[in-house]
Amino acid sequence: MSDIKALDRTYIANTYARFPVHLVSGKGSLAWDVEGKEYIDLGSGIAVNGFGISDEVWLKAVTEQLSRLPHASNLYFTEPGAKLAEMLCQRTGMKKVFFGNSGAEANECAIKASRKYAAEKHGADCYTIVTLENSFHGRTLTTLSATGQAHYHELYQPLTPGFTHIPAGDLDALKALAKQTKIAAVMIECVQGEGGVVPLDAHFVHGLDTFCKASDVLLVVDEVQTGNGRSGQLYAYMNYGIQPDIVSTAKGLGGGLPIGACLLGEKVKDVFAPGDHGSTFGGNPASCAGGVSILSRIDEALLQGVRERSQYIFDQLTGAKGVESVSGMGLMIGVKPVKPAREVVGKCIENGVLCLTAKDRVRLLPALNIPMEQLEKAIAVLKAALAE
């Protein structure tokens, strides 16, 4: 482990505050480090490994595709991308899909689609995109500009112009802004993940939906972390009973390989023409084959299991010793501890449980199908760490 840590520190850019764990293998919701120590994984690669590590169905789909055609450029037709796009549209009511490689790329596509639609429909001065304070939409310069957290902006001025942030829950702020500037789109996360795992109020979301429809402002929902079953529905917006114009997603869609998808609704389905946007690796056949295997298995039985596991975690941790509050939706849960969150995570690691942080919270993102026996054991470890 020391050799790998030394290589990492010498040759990898110093952008991650890594935990002192050198993982070498895993299966399902269990992972093993270089010394053979076993961990129960409550992070799933930050909401990526939705069916756990090296899921057999996913692995078979990916390796079969790798043996046939691992990559082809988007100058040609390939089957996995077409099938995955069809599944996404049929499951959501959206009309077209653009594939990229990450959540940030999916959000970049959503921003470009919004601005192109608004410019063509309402004029070149209609480009402002409204996002929420405490939001997080990615780490490219433009998605960073969309992110409503000032500390992410400090080192990277000047930011991409055309983004305004309003407080979550403040419809009046949006309506006041609309009187002063032309708004192209409103972009939200139904659960602000990196912002502390905070769900949006349903009344506010419905109000946004009503405002956008009445004003021909596009409603964009960032489902990068909340999507693909994580919330207890296929996509988190479905918990609110709304229909967005654009949906971005990534993470859990690929099951472990890089993928991003921007889903375009009726208004914007034809906003792009050939040459308007593109990606060398977007729609990669192997990644899309993995996506097909994942999406085909996110059914009502799985989603019910997500909701049941979520309820168990909330019941166990709400009001527990050392816990100030519990928030989230489905298997995307934030636990605000009395003591520092990273200290709690460190104690969990010592006792064989991997979990994450989000601001001042311990963040839980287990596999959607984590066995209850493993979940119960992991939550017991977490409760003990919180109570110390």
Protein backbone atom coordinates (compact mmCIF):
# COMPACT_ATOMS: atom_id res chain seq x y z
CA MET A 1 0.00 0.00 0.00
CA SER A 2 2.79 2.41 0.85
CA ASP A 3 4.26 2.06 -2.66
CA ILE A 4 0.93 2.83 -4.31
CA LYS A 5 0.33 5.76 -1.96
CA ALA A 6 3.79 7.12 -2.82
CA LEU A 7 3.19 6.71 -6.57
CA ASP A 8 -0.20 8.38 -6.24
CA ARG A 9 1.19 11.35 -4.33
CA THR A 10 4.08 11.70 -6.77
CA TYR A 11 2.28 11.40 -10.07
CA ILE A 12 -1.45 12.10 -9.61
CA ALA A 13 -2.68 15.67 -9.34
CA ASN A 14 -3.39 16.61 -5.75
CA THR A 15 -7.13 17.14 -6.18
CA TYR A 16 -8.49 14.49 -3.79
CA ALA A 17 -8.33 14.20 -0.01
CA ARG A 18 -8.25 10.43 -0.15
CA PHE A 19 -9.17 8.21 2.77
CA PRO A 20 -6.31 5.84 3.78
CA VAL A 21 -7.80 2.82 2.02
CA HIS A 22 -6.21 0.99 -0.94
CA LEU A 23 -9.01 -1.05 -2.53
CA VAL A 24 -8.10 -3.93 -4.80
CA SER A 25 -11.32 -5.90 -5.34
CA GLY A 26 -15.01 -6.08 -4.60
CA LYS A 27 -18.23 -7.95 -5.19
CA GLY A 28 -21.71 -6.62 -4.63
CA SER A 29 -21.66 -4.41 -1.54
CA LEU A 30 -18.40 -5.82 -0.21
CA ALA A 31 -14.92 -4.50 -0.98
CA TRP A 32 -11.45 -5.66 0.06
CA ASP A 33 -8.28 -3.68 0.53
CA VAL A 34 -4.68 -4.63 -0.26
CA GLU A 35 -4.31 -6.23 3.17
CA GLY A 36 -7.44 -8.36 2.74
CA LYS A 37 -9.63 -6.34 5.10
CA GLU A 38 -13.33 -6.49 4.19
CA TYR A 39 -15.59 -3.45 4.03
CA ILE A 40 -19.32 -3.00 3.55
CA ASP A 41 -19.66 -0.34 0.88
CA LEU A 42 -22.22 2.40 1.57
CA GLY A 43 -20.83 4.71 -1.13
CA SER A 44 -21.10 2.62 -4.33
CA GLY A 45 -18.45 4.70 -6.08
CA ILE A 46 -20.47 7.88 -5.34
CA ALA A 47 -23.79 6.47 -6.59
CA VAL A 48 -22.27 4.67 -9.60
CA ASN A 49 -22.35 0.96 -8.72
CA GLY A 50 -26.13 0.77 -8.43
CA PHE A 51 -26.18 -3.03 -8.47
CA GLY A 52 -22.93 -3.31 -6.53
CA ILE A 53 -19.35 -3.94 -7.58
CA SER A 54 -18.80 -6.21 -10.61
CA ASP A 55 -22.47 -7.08 -10.94
CA GLU A 56 -22.64 -10.30 -12.99
CA VAL A 57 -25.35 -9.22 -15.44
CA TRP A 58 -23.60 -5.91 -16.11
CA LEU A 59 -20.22 -7.61 -16.41
CA LYS A 60 -21.52 -10.10 -18.98
CA ALA A 61 -23.15 -7.36 -21.08
CA VAL A 62 -20.02 -5.20 -21.05
CA THR A 63 -17.50 -7.96 -21.75
CA GLU A 64 -19.57 -9.38 -24.61
CA GLN A 65 -19.71 -5.93 -26.18
CA LEU A 66 -15.98 -5.40 -25.58
CA SER A 67 -15.25 -8.61 -27.48
CA ARG A 68 -17.39 -7.49 -30.44
CA LEU A 69 -16.92 -3.72 -30.77
CA PRO A 70 -15.48 -1.77 -27.84
CA HIS A 71 -15.57 1.59 -29.60
CA ALA A 72 -16.76 3.18 -32.81
CA SER A 73 -17.07 6.86 -33.56
CA ASN A 74 -20.43 8.57 -33.83
CA LEU A 75 -20.02 8.65 -37.60
CA TYR A 76 -21.54 5.15 -37.62
CA PHE A 77 -24.59 3.42 -36.19
CA THR A 78 -24.17 1.03 -33.25
CA GLU A 79 -26.80 -1.00 -31.44
CA PRO A 80 -26.21 -0.39 -27.69
CA GLY A 81 -26.61 3.40 -27.85
CA ALA A 82 -29.77 3.21 -29.94
CA LYS A 83 -31.29 0.66 -27.55
CA LEU A 84 -30.35 2.63 -24.44
CA ALA A 85 -31.75 5.85 -25.90
CA GLU A 86 -35.01 4.08 -26.75
CA MET A 87 -35.28 2.71 -23.21
CA LEU A 88 -34.60 6.10 -21.65
CA CYS A 89 -37.23 7.82 -23.77
CA GLN A 90 -39.84 5.12 -23.23
CA ARG A 91 -39.31 5.17 -19.46
CA THR A 92 -39.44 8.96 -19.15
CA GLY A 93 -41.59 10.36 -21.95
CA MET A 94 -38.60 12.29 -23.28
CA LYS A 95 -37.98 12.31 -27.05
CA LYS A 96 -34.26 12.33 -27.87
CA VAL A 97 -30.99 11.57 -26.07
CA PHE A 98 -27.45 12.91 -26.40
CA PHE A 99 -24.75 10.70 -24.87
CA GLY A 100 -21.57 12.02 -23.28
CA ASN A 101 -19.15 10.62 -20.73
CA SER A 102 -20.05 12.27 -17.43
CA GLY A 103 -22.60 14.25 -15.48
CA ALA A 104 -20.80 17.49 -16.22
CA GLU A 105 -20.98 16.78 -19.95
CA ALA A 106 -24.68 15.93 -19.66
CA ASN A 107 -25.22 19.26 -17.93
CA GLU A 108 -23.13 21.11 -20.52
CA CYS A 109 -25.41 19.64 -23.18
CA ALA A 110 -28.49 20.71 -21.21
CA ILE A 111 -27.13 24.26 -20.97
CA LYS A 112 -26.29 24.41 -24.68
CA ALA A 113 -29.71 23.04 -25.63
CA SER A 114 -31.43 25.56 -23.36
CA ARG A 115 -29.55 28.53 -24.75
CA LYS A 116 -29.96 27.48 -28.37
CA TYR A 117 -33.70 26.96 -27.93
CA ALA A 118 -34.15 30.27 -26.08
CA ALA A 119 -32.10 32.26 -28.60
CA GLU A 120 -34.06 30.87 -31.52
CA LYS A 121 -37.43 31.31 -29.77
CA HIS A 122 -36.97 34.51 -27.77
CA GLY A 123 -33.90 36.28 -29.16
CA ALA A 124 -30.15 36.33 -28.61
CA ASP A 125 -30.53 38.23 -25.33
CA CYS A 126 -32.45 35.34 -23.77
CA TYR A 127 -29.66 33.24 -22.29
CA THR A 128 -29.80 33.53 -18.49
CA ILE A 129 -30.07 30.20 -16.68
CA VAL A 130 -31.33 30.27 -13.11
CA THR A 131 -29.98 27.72 -10.65
CA LEU A 132 -30.36 27.36 -6.90
CA GLU A 133 -28.06 28.38 -4.11
CA ASN A 134 -26.36 25.31 -2.63
CA SER A 135 -26.58 23.47 -5.96
CA PHE A 136 -23.81 21.52 -7.68
CA HIS A 137 -23.79 20.88 -11.42
CA GLY A 138 -20.23 19.89 -12.29
CA ARG A 139 -16.58 20.92 -12.46
CA THR A 140 -16.14 22.21 -16.00
CA LEU A 141 -15.92 25.99 -16.05
CA THR A 142 -19.50 26.40 -17.27
CA THR A 143 -21.10 23.82 -14.98
CA LEU A 144 -19.07 25.32 -12.14
CA SER A 145 -20.61 28.66 -13.07
CA ALA A 146 -24.02 27.04 -12.86
CA THR A 147 -23.20 25.70 -9.40
CA GLY A 148 -24.70 27.89 -6.68
CA GLN A 149 -21.86 27.66 -4.14
CA ALA A 150 -19.48 30.61 -4.00
CA HIS A 151 -16.48 28.70 -2.64
CA TYR A 152 -16.30 26.66 -5.86
CA HIS A 153 -16.00 29.90 -7.83
CA GLU A 154 -13.18 31.62 -5.98
CA LEU A 155 -10.20 30.16 -7.85
CA TYR A 156 -11.62 30.20 -11.37
CA GLN A 157 -12.60 33.73 -12.24
CA PRO A 158 -13.85 34.95 -14.61
CA LEU A 159 -16.69 32.45 -14.72
CA THR A 160 -18.91 31.75 -17.71
CA PRO A 161 -21.52 34.54 -17.67
CA GLY A 162 -25.27 34.09 -17.81
CA PHE A 163 -26.02 32.25 -14.57
CA THR A 164 -28.03 33.59 -11.64
CA HIS A 165 -28.63 31.78 -8.36
CA ILE A 166 -31.73 32.12 -6.18
CA PRO A 167 -32.46 30.57 -2.78
CA ALA A 168 -34.14 27.18 -2.91
CA GLY A 169 -37.80 27.63 -2.05
CA ASP A 170 -37.98 31.30 -3.08
CA LEU A 171 -40.44 31.54 -5.98
CA ASP A 172 -40.78 35.28 -5.42
CA ALA A 173 -37.07 35.74 -6.20
CA LEU A 174 -37.55 33.94 -9.50
CA LYS A 175 -40.60 36.02 -10.42
CA ALA A 176 -38.78 39.24 -9.54
CA LEU A 177 -35.80 38.21 -11.64
CA ALA A 178 -38.08 37.46 -14.59
CA LYS A 179 -39.22 41.09 -14.58
CA GLN A 180 -35.64 42.27 -14.99
CA THR A 181 -34.09 39.77 -17.41
CA LYS A 182 -35.02 37.19 -19.97
CA ILE A 183 -34.72 33.68 -18.53
CA ALA A 184 -33.87 30.77 -20.82
CA ALA A 185 -34.11 27.97 -18.26
CA VAL A 186 -34.32 27.02 -14.62
CA MET A 187 -32.01 24.17 -13.62
CA ILE A 188 -32.49 22.23 -10.38
CA GLU A 189 -31.50 19.09 -8.49
CA CYS A 190 -34.51 17.58 -6.71
CA VAL A 191 -32.09 16.58 -3.97
CA GLN A 192 -29.06 18.82 -3.57
CA GLY A 193 -26.43 16.12 -3.15
CA GLU A 194 -23.08 17.89 -2.83
CA GLY A 195 -24.96 20.67 -1.04
CA GLY A 196 -25.68 18.38 1.92
CA VAL A 197 -28.30 15.89 0.64
CA VAL A 198 -31.21 18.32 0.91
CA PRO A 199 -34.49 17.55 -0.93
CA LEU A 200 -36.42 20.42 -2.48
CA ASP A 201 -39.82 21.32 -1.07
CA ALA A 202 -42.64 19.90 -3.20
CA HIS A 203 -44.61 23.16 -3.21
CA PHE A 204 -41.56 24.98 -4.56
CA VAL A 205 -40.95 22.40 -7.30
CA HIS A 206 -44.59 22.56 -8.41
CA GLY A 207 -44.38 26.34 -8.41
CA LEU A 208 -41.27 26.23 -10.60
CA ASP A 209 -43.01 23.88 -12.98
CA THR A 210 -46.04 26.17 -13.23
CA PHE A 211 -43.87 29.26 -13.76
CA CYS A 212 -41.77 27.62 -16.46
CA LYS A 213 -44.75 26.33 -18.40
CA ALA A 214 -46.51 29.71 -18.27
CA SER A 215 -43.38 31.62 -19.31
CA ASP A 216 -41.94 29.24 -21.93
CA VAL A 217 -38.88 28.88 -19.71
CA LEU A 218 -37.26 25.45 -19.94
CA LEU A 219 -37.24 23.35 -16.78
CA VAL A 220 -34.01 21.35 -16.56
CA VAL A 221 -33.60 18.67 -13.89
CA ASP A 222 -30.09 17.50 -13.03
CA GLU A 223 -30.44 13.79 -12.21
CA VAL A 224 -26.72 13.02 -12.28
CA GLN A 225 -26.69 11.69 -8.72
CA THR A 226 -30.42 11.34 -7.98
CA GLY A 227 -31.26 9.31 -11.07
CA ASN A 228 -31.46 5.67 -12.10
CA GLY A 229 -33.39 4.42 -9.09
CA ARG A 230 -31.43 6.25 -6.41
CA SER A 231 -34.43 8.25 -5.13
CA GLY A 232 -36.88 5.35 -4.95
CA GLN A 233 -38.27 6.24 -8.38
CA LEU A 234 -36.48 5.88 -11.69
CA TYR A 235 -35.74 9.61 -11.61
CA ALA A 236 -36.19 11.91 -8.63
CA TYR A 237 -38.47 14.36 -10.46
CA MET A 238 -41.02 11.55 -10.66
CA ASN A 239 -41.48 11.84 -6.90
CA TYR A 240 -42.84 15.35 -7.54
CA GLY A 241 -45.20 14.54 -10.40
CA ILE A 242 -43.64 16.95 -12.91
CA GLN A 243 -42.39 16.55 -16.48
CA PRO A 244 -39.15 18.46 -17.19
CA ASP A 245 -38.11 19.75 -20.61
CA ILE A 246 -34.56 18.44 -20.20
CA VAL A 247 -33.10 15.80 -17.88
CA SER A 248 -29.40 15.15 -17.38
CA THR A 249 -28.12 11.93 -15.86
CA ALA A 250 -24.92 9.90 -15.44
CA LYS A 251 -23.32 8.01 -12.51
CA GLY A 252 -25.64 5.03 -11.87
CA LEU A 253 -26.68 4.73 -15.51
CA GLY A 254 -23.39 3.14 -16.51
CA GLY A 255 -23.05 0.69 -13.63
CA GLY A 256 -19.31 1.36 -13.38
CA LEU A 257 -18.27 2.69 -16.79
CA PRO A 258 -18.28 6.39 -17.73
CA ILE A 259 -21.49 7.62 -19.33
CA GLY A 260 -23.63 10.73 -19.35
CA ALA A 261 -26.99 11.32 -20.99
CA CYS A 262 -28.96 14.45 -21.76
CA LEU A 263 -32.63 13.67 -22.36
CA LEU A 264 -34.48 16.18 -24.53
CA GLY A 265 -38.23 16.68 -24.26
CA GLU A 266 -40.80 17.71 -26.85
CA LYS A 267 -39.85 21.40 -26.96
CA VAL A 268 -36.16 20.80 -27.54
CA LYS A 269 -36.06 17.40 -29.25
CA ASP A 270 -34.91 18.94 -32.55
CA VAL A 271 -32.85 21.83 -31.16
CA PHE A 272 -29.57 20.30 -32.35
CA ALA A 273 -28.59 19.80 -35.98
CA PRO A 274 -25.55 17.83 -37.24
CA GLY A 275 -22.39 19.59 -36.09
CA ASP A 276 -24.06 21.56 -33.29
CA HIS A 277 -22.71 19.27 -30.58
CA GLY A 278 -20.67 16.09 -30.34
CA SER A 279 -18.47 13.73 -28.36
CA THR A 280 -15.79 11.25 -29.41
CA PHE A 281 -16.53 8.76 -26.66
CA GLY A 282 -20.19 9.64 -26.06
CA GLY A 283 -22.43 6.66 -26.75
CA ASN A 284 -19.48 4.28 -26.45
CA PRO A 285 -20.87 0.80 -27.20
CA ALA A 286 -19.43 -0.85 -24.09
CA SER A 287 -20.71 1.87 -21.75
CA CYS A 288 -24.12 1.80 -23.41
CA ALA A 289 -24.31 -2.01 -23.23
CA GLY A 290 -23.71 -1.66 -19.51
CA GLY A 291 -26.40 1.01 -19.35
CA VAL A 292 -28.93 -1.25 -21.07
CA SER A 293 -28.23 -4.00 -18.54
CA ILE A 294 -28.72 -1.55 -15.65
CA LEU A 295 -31.82 0.27 -16.88
CA SER A 296 -33.59 -2.94 -17.86
CA ARG A 297 -33.45 -4.12 -14.24
CA ILE A 298 -34.63 -0.95 -12.51
CA ASP A 299 -38.20 -2.14 -12.11
CA GLU A 300 -40.90 -1.58 -9.49
CA ALA A 301 -39.68 -4.48 -7.35
CA LEU A 302 -36.19 -2.96 -7.16
CA LEU A 303 -37.57 0.52 -6.47
CA GLN A 304 -39.76 -0.83 -3.68
CA GLY A 305 -36.65 -2.38 -2.19
CA VAL A 306 -34.91 1.01 -2.37
CA ARG A 307 -37.79 2.64 -0.50
CA GLU A 308 -37.82 -0.09 2.15
CA ARG A 309 -34.07 0.18 2.73
CA SER A 310 -34.38 3.95 2.89
CA GLN A 311 -37.09 3.73 5.53
CA TYR A 312 -34.94 1.36 7.58
CA ILE A 313 -32.01 3.79 7.55
CA PHE A 314 -34.21 6.76 8.48
CA ASP A 315 -35.84 4.78 11.29
CA GLN A 316 -32.49 3.66 12.67
CA LEU A 317 -30.71 7.01 12.54
CA THR A 318 -33.38 9.64 13.18
CA GLY A 319 -33.02 10.67 16.80
CA ALA A 320 -30.10 8.31 17.39
CA LYS A 321 -27.34 9.33 19.79
CA GLY A 322 -24.90 11.74 18.17
CA VAL A 323 -27.26 12.58 15.29
CA GLU A 324 -28.61 16.09 14.79
CA SER A 325 -30.72 15.34 11.71
CA VAL A 326 -31.24 12.97 8.78
CA SER A 327 -32.22 14.15 5.31
CA GLY A 328 -32.45 12.82 1.78
CA MET A 329 -34.58 10.64 -0.44
CA GLY A 330 -34.40 6.94 -1.25
CA LEU A 331 -30.85 5.64 -0.87
CA MET A 332 -29.35 9.12 -1.05
CA ILE A 333 -29.16 10.06 2.62
CA GLY A 334 -27.31 12.70 4.62
CA VAL A 335 -26.71 12.31 8.35
CA LYS A 336 -25.69 15.43 10.27
CA PRO A 337 -23.58 14.28 13.22
CA VAL A 338 -22.79 16.14 16.41
CA LYS A 339 -19.06 15.70 15.76
CA PRO A 340 -17.24 16.29 12.46
CA ALA A 341 -18.51 14.13 9.62
CA ARG A 342 -15.05 13.11 8.43
CA GLU A 343 -14.23 11.88 11.92
CA VAL A 344 -17.31 9.66 11.83
CA VAL A 345 -16.37 8.32 8.40
CA GLY A 346 -12.85 7.57 9.65
CA LYS A 347 -14.21 5.56 12.57
CA CYS A 348 -16.49 3.64 10.19
CA ILE A 349 -13.52 2.78 7.98
CA GLU A 350 -11.66 1.43 11.01
CA ASN A 351 -14.62 -0.87 11.64
CA GLY A 352 -15.13 -2.04 8.07
CA VAL A 353 -17.71 0.33 6.59
CA LEU A 354 -17.16 2.76 3.71
CA CYS A 355 -19.31 5.90 3.62
CA LEU A 356 -18.89 9.43 2.30
CA THR A 357 -19.30 13.06 3.28
CA ALA A 358 -21.25 16.00 1.87
CA LYS A 359 -20.48 19.31 3.55
CA ASP A 360 -21.10 18.71 7.28
CA ARG A 361 -22.94 15.42 6.76
CA VAL A 362 -22.12 11.76 6.48
CA ARG A 363 -23.46 10.74 3.08
CA LEU A 364 -24.88 7.28 2.39
CA LEU A 365 -25.21 6.02 -1.19
CA PRO A 366 -25.34 2.22 -0.94
CA ALA A 367 -26.06 -0.09 -3.84
CA LEU A 368 -29.76 -0.16 -4.62
CA ASN A 369 -29.89 -3.90 -3.93
CA ILE A 370 -27.58 -4.07 -0.90
CA PRO A 371 -28.52 -7.19 1.09
CA MET A 372 -30.45 -6.25 4.24
CA GLU A 373 -28.10 -8.28 6.42
CA GLN A 374 -25.14 -6.22 5.21
CA LEU A 375 -27.08 -2.96 5.48
CA GLU A 376 -28.12 -3.72 9.06
CA LYS A 377 -24.55 -4.55 10.04
CA ALA A 378 -23.20 -1.38 8.38
CA ILE A 379 -25.79 0.89 9.99
CA ALA A 380 -24.97 -0.62 13.39
CA VAL A 381 -21.31 0.32 12.82
CA LEU A 382 -22.33 3.83 11.75
CA LYS A 383 -24.60 4.27 14.79
CA ALA A 384 -21.75 3.27 17.08
CA ALA A 385 -19.40 5.73 15.39
CA LEU A 386 -21.95 8.52 15.69
CA ALA A 387 -22.56 7.79 19.37
CA GLU A 388 -18.90 7.74 20.48
